[in-house]
PDB file of all heavy atoms in Angstrom:
ATOM      1  N   GLU A   1       0.832  -1.206   0.000  1.00  0.00           N
ATOM      2  CA  GLU A   1       0.000   0.000   0.000  1.00  0.00           C
ATOM      3  C   GLU A   1       0.868   1.258   0.000  1.00  0.00           C
ATOM      4  O   GLU A   1       0.585   2.212  -0.731  1.00  0.00           O
ATOM      5  CB  GLU A   1      -0.930   0.002   1.215  1.00  0.00           C
ATOM      6  CG  GLU A   1      -2.056  -1.009   1.130  1.00  0.00           C
ATOM      7  CD  GLU A   1      -2.874  -1.091   2.417  1.00  0.00           C
ATOM      8  OE1 GLU A   1      -2.819  -0.144   3.240  1.00  0.00           O
ATOM      9  OE2 GLU A   1      -3.574  -2.097   2.605  1.00  0.00           O
ATOM     10  N   LYS A   2       1.903   1.265   0.818  1.00  0.00           N
ATOM     11  CA  LYS A   2       2.805   2.421   0.893  1.00  0.00           C
ATOM     12  C   LYS A   2       3.517   2.636  -0.442  1.00  0.00           C
ATOM     13  O   LYS A   2       3.656   3.767  -0.903  1.00  0.00           O
ATOM     14  CB  LYS A   2       3.845   2.251   2.010  1.00  0.00           C
ATOM     15  CG  LYS A   2       3.263   2.274   3.391  1.00  0.00           C
ATOM     16  CD  LYS A   2       2.752   3.651   3.754  1.00  0.00           C
ATOM     17  CE  LYS A   2       2.232   3.665   5.177  1.00  0.00           C
ATOM     18  NZ  LYS A   2       1.602   4.938   5.506  1.00  0.00           N
ATOM     19  N   LEU A   3       3.970   1.557  -1.061  1.00  0.00           N
ATOM     20  CA  LEU A   3       4.632   1.661  -2.360  1.00  0.00           C
ATOM     21  C   LEU A   3       3.688   2.219  -3.421  1.00  0.00           C
ATOM     22  O   LEU A   3       4.097   3.025  -4.254  1.00  0.00           O
ATOM     23  CB  LEU A   3       5.163   0.299  -2.806  1.00  0.00           C
ATOM     24  CG  LEU A   3       6.499  -0.117  -2.227  1.00  0.00           C
ATOM     25  CD1 LEU A   3       6.807  -1.556  -2.624  1.00  0.00           C
ATOM     26  CD2 LEU A   3       7.619   0.794  -2.668  1.00  0.00           C
ATOM     27  N   GLN A   4       2.432   1.798  -3.365  1.00  0.00           N
ATOM     28  CA  GLN A   4       1.454   2.290  -4.334  1.00  0.00           C
ATOM     29  C   GLN A   4       1.256   3.787  -4.170  1.00  0.00           C
ATOM     30  O   GLN A   4       1.136   4.520  -5.146  1.00  0.00           O
ATOM     31  CB  GLN A   4       0.118   1.551  -4.188  1.00  0.00           C
ATOM     32  CG  GLN A   4      -0.841   1.818  -5.329  1.00  0.00           C
ATOM     33  CD  GLN A   4      -0.268   1.448  -6.682  1.00  0.00           C
ATOM     34  OE1 GLN A   4       0.193   0.330  -6.882  1.00  0.00           O
ATOM     35  NE2 GLN A   4      -0.280   2.380  -7.609  1.00  0.00           N
ATOM     36  N   VAL A   5       1.250   4.254  -2.929  1.00  0.00           N
ATOM     37  CA  VAL A   5       1.119   5.692  -2.664  1.00  0.00           C
ATOM     38  C   VAL A   5       2.311   6.444  -3.255  1.00  0.00           C
ATOM     39  O   VAL A   5       2.150   7.476  -3.901  1.00  0.00           O
ATOM     40  CB  VAL A   5       0.988   5.963  -1.140  1.00  0.00           C
ATOM     41  CG1 VAL A   5       1.148   7.447  -0.849  1.00  0.00           C
ATOM     42  CG2 VAL A   5      -0.339   5.452  -0.605  1.00  0.00           C
ATOM     43  N   VAL A   6       3.515   5.910  -3.059  1.00  0.00           N
ATOM     44  CA  VAL A   6       4.720   6.540  -3.604  1.00  0.00           C
ATOM     45  C   VAL A   6       4.653   6.585  -5.131  1.00  0.00           C
ATOM     46  O   VAL A   6       4.944   7.617  -5.745  1.00  0.00           O
ATOM     47  CB  VAL A   6       5.991   5.796  -3.124  1.00  0.00           C
ATOM     48  CG1 VAL A   6       7.214   6.288  -3.885  1.00  0.00           C
ATOM     49  CG2 VAL A   6       6.186   5.971  -1.620  1.00  0.00           C
ATOM     50  N   ILE A   7       4.256   5.480  -5.739  1.00  0.00           N
ATOM     51  CA  ILE A   7       4.134   5.423  -7.202  1.00  0.00           C
ATOM     52  C   ILE A   7       3.114   6.449  -7.693  1.00  0.00           C
ATOM     53  O   ILE A   7       3.370   7.181  -8.648  1.00  0.00           O
ATOM     54  CB  ILE A   7       3.754   3.994  -7.658  1.00  0.00           C
ATOM     55  CG1 ILE A   7       4.941   3.051  -7.430  1.00  0.00           C
ATOM     56  CG2 ILE A   7       3.314   3.986  -9.123  1.00  0.00           C
ATOM     57  CD1 ILE A   7       4.595   1.579  -7.545  1.00  0.00           C
ATOM     58  N   ASN A   8       1.967   6.521  -7.020  1.00  0.00           N
ATOM     59  CA  ASN A   8       0.936   7.482  -7.420  1.00  0.00           C
ATOM     60  C   ASN A   8       1.440   8.911  -7.293  1.00  0.00           C
ATOM     61  O   ASN A   8       1.174   9.744  -8.164  1.00  0.00           O
ATOM     62  CB  ASN A   8      -0.327   7.297  -6.569  1.00  0.00           C
ATOM     63  CG  ASN A   8      -1.061   6.015  -6.896  1.00  0.00           C
ATOM     64  OD1 ASN A   8      -0.817   5.380  -7.906  1.00  0.00           O
ATOM     65  ND2 ASN A   8      -1.956   5.613  -6.026  1.00  0.00           N
ATOM     66  N   CYS A   9       2.171   9.202  -6.223  1.00  0.00           N
ATOM     67  CA  CYS A   9       2.720  10.548  -6.027  1.00  0.00           C
ATOM     68  C   CYS A   9       3.707  10.905  -7.130  1.00  0.00           C
ATOM     69  O   CYS A   9       3.713  12.032  -7.625  1.00  0.00           O
ATOM     70  CB  CYS A   9       3.396  10.662  -4.658  1.00  0.00           C
ATOM     71  SG  CYS A   9       2.222  10.742  -3.297  1.00  0.00           S
ATOM     72  N   ARG A  10       4.530   9.953  -7.535  1.00  0.00           N
ATOM     73  CA  ARG A  10       5.495  10.213  -8.611  1.00  0.00           C
ATOM     74  C   ARG A  10       4.773  10.469  -9.925  1.00  0.00           C
ATOM     75  O   ARG A  10       5.177  11.333 -10.700  1.00  0.00           O
ATOM     76  CB  ARG A  10       6.467   9.049  -8.763  1.00  0.00           C
ATOM     77  CG  ARG A  10       7.500   9.015  -7.678  1.00  0.00           C
ATOM     78  CD  ARG A  10       8.542   7.960  -7.971  1.00  0.00           C
ATOM     79  NE  ARG A  10       9.537   7.928  -6.943  1.00  0.00           N
ATOM     80  CZ  ARG A  10      10.733   8.498  -7.045  1.00  0.00           C
ATOM     81  NH1 ARG A  10      11.065   9.127  -8.137  1.00  0.00           N
ATOM     82  NH2 ARG A  10      11.579   8.437  -6.054  1.00  0.00           N
ATOM     83  N   GLN A  11       3.695   9.713 -10.180  1.00  0.00           N
ATOM     84  CA  GLN A  11       2.942   9.926 -11.411  1.00  0.00           C
ATOM     85  C   GLN A  11       2.298  11.302 -11.415  1.00  0.00           C
ATOM     86  O   GLN A  11       2.322  12.005 -12.427  1.00  0.00           O
ATOM     87  CB  GLN A  11       1.871   8.831 -11.568  1.00  0.00           C
ATOM     88  CG  GLN A  11       2.458   7.482 -11.901  1.00  0.00           C
ATOM     89  CD  GLN A  11       1.434   6.363 -11.846  1.00  0.00           C
ATOM     90  OE1 GLN A  11       0.363   6.493 -11.266  1.00  0.00           O
ATOM     91  NE2 GLN A  11       1.781   5.236 -12.441  1.00  0.00           N
ATOM     92  N   ILE A  12       1.744  11.702 -10.283  1.00  0.00           N
ATOM     93  CA  ILE A  12       1.140  13.031 -10.163  1.00  0.00           C
ATOM     94  C   ILE A  12       2.209  14.096 -10.348  1.00  0.00           C
ATOM     95  O   ILE A  12       1.998  15.093 -11.037  1.00  0.00           O
ATOM     96  CB  ILE A  12       0.408  13.182  -8.805  1.00  0.00           C
ATOM     97  CG1 ILE A  12      -0.841  12.298  -8.789  1.00  0.00           C
ATOM     98  CG2 ILE A  12       0.042  14.642  -8.544  1.00  0.00           C
ATOM     99  CD1 ILE A  12      -1.473  12.147  -7.426  1.00  0.00           C
ATOM    100  N   ASP A  13       3.367  13.882  -9.741  1.00  0.00           N
ATOM    101  CA  ASP A  13       4.486  14.820  -9.864  1.00  0.00           C
ATOM    102  C   ASP A  13       4.889  14.984 -11.334  1.00  0.00           C
ATOM    103  O   ASP A  13       5.114  16.104 -11.792  1.00  0.00           O
ATOM    104  CB  ASP A  13       5.667  14.298  -9.040  1.00  0.00           C
ATOM    105  CG  ASP A  13       6.524  15.407  -8.485  1.00  0.00           C
ATOM    106  OD1 ASP A  13       5.993  16.495  -8.208  1.00  0.00           O
ATOM    107  OD2 ASP A  13       7.745  15.178  -8.338  1.00  0.00           O
ATOM    108  N   ASP A  14       4.962  13.878 -12.060  1.00  0.00           N
ATOM    109  CA  ASP A  14       5.293  13.929 -13.489  1.00  0.00           C
ATOM    110  C   ASP A  14       4.251  14.735 -14.263  1.00  0.00           C
ATOM    111  O   ASP A  14       4.587  15.539 -15.137  1.00  0.00           O
ATOM    112  CB  ASP A  14       5.399  12.522 -14.082  1.00  0.00           C
ATOM    113  CG  ASP A  14       6.647  11.782 -13.638  1.00  0.00           C
ATOM    114  OD1 ASP A  14       7.555  12.427 -13.066  1.00  0.00           O
ATOM    115  OD2 ASP A  14       6.701  10.554 -13.853  1.00  0.00           O
ATOM    116  N   GLU A  15       2.970  14.509 -13.939  1.00  0.00           N
ATOM    117  CA  GLU A  15       1.902  15.230 -14.620  1.00  0.00           C
ATOM    118  C   GLU A  15       1.990  16.724 -14.322  1.00  0.00           C
ATOM    119  O   GLU A  15       1.799  17.552 -15.219  1.00  0.00           O
ATOM    120  CB  GLU A  15       0.539  14.685 -14.194  1.00  0.00           C
ATOM    121  CG  GLU A  15       0.254  13.295 -14.731  1.00  0.00           C
ATOM    122  CD  GLU A  15      -1.055  12.727 -14.214  1.00  0.00           C
ATOM    123  OE1 GLU A  15      -1.962  13.513 -13.865  1.00  0.00           O
ATOM    124  OE2 GLU A  15      -1.165  11.495 -14.156  1.00  0.00           O
ATOM    125  N   ILE A  16       2.285  17.071 -13.082  1.00  0.00           N
ATOM    126  CA  ILE A  16       2.421  18.477 -12.700  1.00  0.00           C
ATOM    127  C   ILE A  16       3.568  19.122 -13.463  1.00  0.00           C
ATOM    128  O   ILE A  16       3.441  20.251 -13.956  1.00  0.00           O
ATOM    129  CB  ILE A  16       2.622  18.618 -11.173  1.00  0.00           C
ATOM    130  CG1 ILE A  16       1.313  18.277 -10.451  1.00  0.00           C
ATOM    131  CG2 ILE A  16       3.095  20.024 -10.807  1.00  0.00           C
ATOM    132  CD1 ILE A  16       1.460  18.142  -8.952  1.00  0.00           C
ATOM    133  N   MET A  17       4.689  18.420 -13.576  1.00  0.00           N
ATOM    134  CA  MET A  17       5.846  18.977 -14.298  1.00  0.00           C
ATOM    135  C   MET A  17       5.523  19.192 -15.777  1.00  0.00           C
ATOM    136  O   MET A  17       5.910  20.199 -16.361  1.00  0.00           O
ATOM    137  CB  MET A  17       7.069  18.067 -14.140  1.00  0.00           C
ATOM    138  CG  MET A  17       7.616  18.026 -12.725  1.00  0.00           C
ATOM    139  SD  MET A  17       7.931  19.644 -12.007  1.00  0.00           S
ATOM    140  CE  MET A  17       9.337  20.142 -12.959  1.00  0.00           C
ATOM    141  N   ARG A  18       4.778  18.244 -16.386  1.00  0.00           N
ATOM    142  CA  ARG A  18       4.368  18.409 -17.787  1.00  0.00           C
ATOM    143  C   ARG A  18       3.434  19.615 -17.928  1.00  0.00           C
ATOM    144  O   ARG A  18       3.554  20.413 -18.855  1.00  0.00           O
ATOM    145  CB  ARG A  18       3.681  17.145 -18.308  1.00  0.00           C
ATOM    146  CG  ARG A  18       4.645  16.085 -18.807  1.00  0.00           C
ATOM    147  CD  ARG A  18       3.954  15.032 -19.638  1.00  0.00           C
ATOM    148  NE  ARG A  18       2.987  14.252 -18.894  1.00  0.00           N
ATOM    149  CZ  ARG A  18       3.275  13.207 -18.132  1.00  0.00           C
ATOM    150  NH1 ARG A  18       4.510  12.785 -18.031  1.00  0.00           N
ATOM    151  NH2 ARG A  18       2.334  12.569 -17.486  1.00  0.00           N
ATOM    152  N   PHE A  19       2.494  19.731 -16.998  1.00  0.00           N
ATOM    153  CA  PHE A  19       1.543  20.841 -17.009  1.00  0.00           C
ATOM    154  C   PHE A  19       2.287  22.170 -16.851  1.00  0.00           C
ATOM    155  O   PHE A  19       2.017  23.130 -17.571  1.00  0.00           O
ATOM    156  CB  PHE A  19       0.526  20.637 -15.877  1.00  0.00           C
ATOM    157  CG  PHE A  19      -0.638  21.588 -15.920  1.00  0.00           C
ATOM    158  CD1 PHE A  19      -1.409  21.710 -17.061  1.00  0.00           C
ATOM    159  CD2 PHE A  19      -0.960  22.333 -14.799  1.00  0.00           C
ATOM    160  CE1 PHE A  19      -2.492  22.582 -17.097  1.00  0.00           C
ATOM    161  CE2 PHE A  19      -2.039  23.213 -14.825  1.00  0.00           C
ATOM    162  CZ  PHE A  19      -2.808  23.338 -15.971  1.00  0.00           C
ATOM    163  N   LYS A  20       3.245  22.215 -15.940  1.00  0.00           N
ATOM    164  CA  LYS A  20       4.054  23.420 -15.707  1.00  0.00           C
ATOM    165  C   LYS A  20       4.802  23.803 -16.990  1.00  0.00           C
ATOM    166  O   LYS A  20       4.849  24.977 -17.364  1.00  0.00           O
ATOM    167  CB  LYS A  20       5.027  23.162 -14.571  1.00  0.00           C
ATOM    168  CG  LYS A  20       5.877  24.347 -14.221  1.00  0.00           C
ATOM    169  CD  LYS A  20       6.792  24.025 -13.049  1.00  0.00           C
ATOM    170  CE  LYS A  20       7.686  25.210 -12.768  1.00  0.00           C
ATOM    171  NZ  LYS A  20       9.063  24.887 -12.646  1.00  0.00           N
ATOM    172  N   TYR A  21       5.376  22.820 -17.669  1.00  0.00           N
ATOM    173  CA  TYR A  21       6.092  23.060 -18.923  1.00  0.00           C
ATOM    174  C   TYR A  21       5.152  23.688 -19.961  1.00  0.00           C
ATOM    175  O   TYR A  21       5.517  24.659 -20.633  1.00  0.00           O
ATOM    176  CB  TYR A  21       6.688  21.754 -19.443  1.00  0.00           C
ATOM    177  CG  TYR A  21       7.289  21.873 -20.820  1.00  0.00           C
ATOM    178  CD1 TYR A  21       8.537  22.446 -21.005  1.00  0.00           C
ATOM    179  CD2 TYR A  21       6.604  21.413 -21.941  1.00  0.00           C
ATOM    180  CE1 TYR A  21       9.092  22.573 -22.279  1.00  0.00           C
ATOM    181  CE2 TYR A  21       7.141  21.534 -23.209  1.00  0.00           C
ATOM    182  CZ  TYR A  21       8.381  22.104 -23.369  1.00  0.00           C
ATOM    183  OH  TYR A  21       8.911  22.232 -24.627  1.00  0.00           O
ATOM    184  N   HIS A  22       3.938  23.132 -20.095  1.00  0.00           N
ATOM    185  CA  HIS A  22       2.983  23.656 -21.072  1.00  0.00           C
ATOM    186  C   HIS A  22       2.579  25.087 -20.730  1.00  0.00           C
ATOM    187  O   HIS A  22       2.445  25.925 -21.630  1.00  0.00           O
ATOM    188  CB  HIS A  22       1.748  22.747 -21.167  1.00  0.00           C
ATOM    189  CG  HIS A  22       2.005  21.470 -21.880  1.00  0.00           C
ATOM    190  ND1 HIS A  22       2.299  21.402 -23.225  1.00  0.00           N
ATOM    191  CD2 HIS A  22       2.037  20.195 -21.431  1.00  0.00           C
ATOM    192  CE1 HIS A  22       2.504  20.147 -23.579  1.00  0.00           C
ATOM    193  NE2 HIS A  22       2.356  19.388 -22.506  1.00  0.00           N
ATOM    194  N   ILE A  23       2.403  25.363 -19.452  1.00  0.00           N
ATOM    195  CA  ILE A  23       2.064  26.723 -19.030  1.00  0.00           C
ATOM    196  C   ILE A  23       3.206  27.678 -19.369  1.00  0.00           C
ATOM    197  O   ILE A  23       2.976  28.774 -19.892  1.00  0.00           O
ATOM    198  CB  ILE A  23       1.748  26.771 -17.511  1.00  0.00           C
ATOM    199  CG1 ILE A  23       0.429  26.046 -17.237  1.00  0.00           C
ATOM    200  CG2 ILE A  23       1.693  28.210 -17.013  1.00  0.00           C
ATOM    201  CD1 ILE A  23       0.137  25.843 -15.770  1.00  0.00           C
ATOM    202  N   GLU A  24       4.439  27.263 -19.097  1.00  0.00           N
ATOM    203  CA  GLU A  24       5.594  28.111 -19.405  1.00  0.00           C
ATOM    204  C   GLU A  24       5.711  28.363 -20.903  1.00  0.00           C
ATOM    205  O   GLU A  24       6.007  29.486 -21.334  1.00  0.00           O
ATOM    206  CB  GLU A  24       6.873  27.478 -18.860  1.00  0.00           C
ATOM    207  CG  GLU A  24       6.960  27.538 -17.346  1.00  0.00           C
ATOM    208  CD  GLU A  24       8.102  26.716 -16.766  1.00  0.00           C
ATOM    209  OE1 GLU A  24       8.719  25.922 -17.502  1.00  0.00           O
ATOM    210  OE2 GLU A  24       8.354  26.858 -15.562  1.00  0.00           O
ATOM    211  N   MET A  25       5.474  27.342 -21.712  1.00  0.00           N
ATOM    212  CA  MET A  25       5.541  27.511 -23.171  1.00  0.00           C
ATOM    213  C   MET A  25       4.444  28.460 -23.647  1.00  0.00           C
ATOM    214  O   MET A  25       4.676  29.328 -24.488  1.00  0.00           O
ATOM    215  CB  MET A  25       5.400  26.159 -23.893  1.00  0.00           C
ATOM    216  CG  MET A  25       6.605  25.255 -23.757  1.00  0.00           C
ATOM    217  SD  MET A  25       8.108  25.955 -24.467  1.00  0.00           S
ATOM    218  CE  MET A  25       8.970  26.468 -23.004  1.00  0.00           C
ATOM    219  N   PHE A  26       3.244  28.309 -23.100  1.00  0.00           N
ATOM    220  CA  PHE A  26       2.133  29.186 -23.451  1.00  0.00           C
ATOM    221  C   PHE A  26       2.471  30.624 -23.076  1.00  0.00           C
ATOM    222  O   PHE A  26       2.241  31.552 -23.851  1.00  0.00           O
ATOM    223  CB  PHE A  26       0.851  28.731 -22.737  1.00  0.00           C
ATOM    224  CG  PHE A  26      -0.330  29.609 -23.019  1.00  0.00           C
ATOM    225  CD1 PHE A  26      -1.011  29.513 -24.218  1.00  0.00           C
ATOM    226  CD2 PHE A  26      -0.756  30.538 -22.082  1.00  0.00           C
ATOM    227  CE1 PHE A  26      -2.101  30.332 -24.487  1.00  0.00           C
ATOM    228  CE2 PHE A  26      -1.839  31.366 -22.337  1.00  0.00           C
ATOM    229  CZ  PHE A  26      -2.514  31.259 -23.543  1.00  0.00           C
TER     230      PHE A  26
END
């Protein structure tokens, strides 16, 4: 369960970084 939480957090972090990149490009 703890590992799944860590994995989910990393996926969310990746999505946030992609979103941030798109905002910066815009």
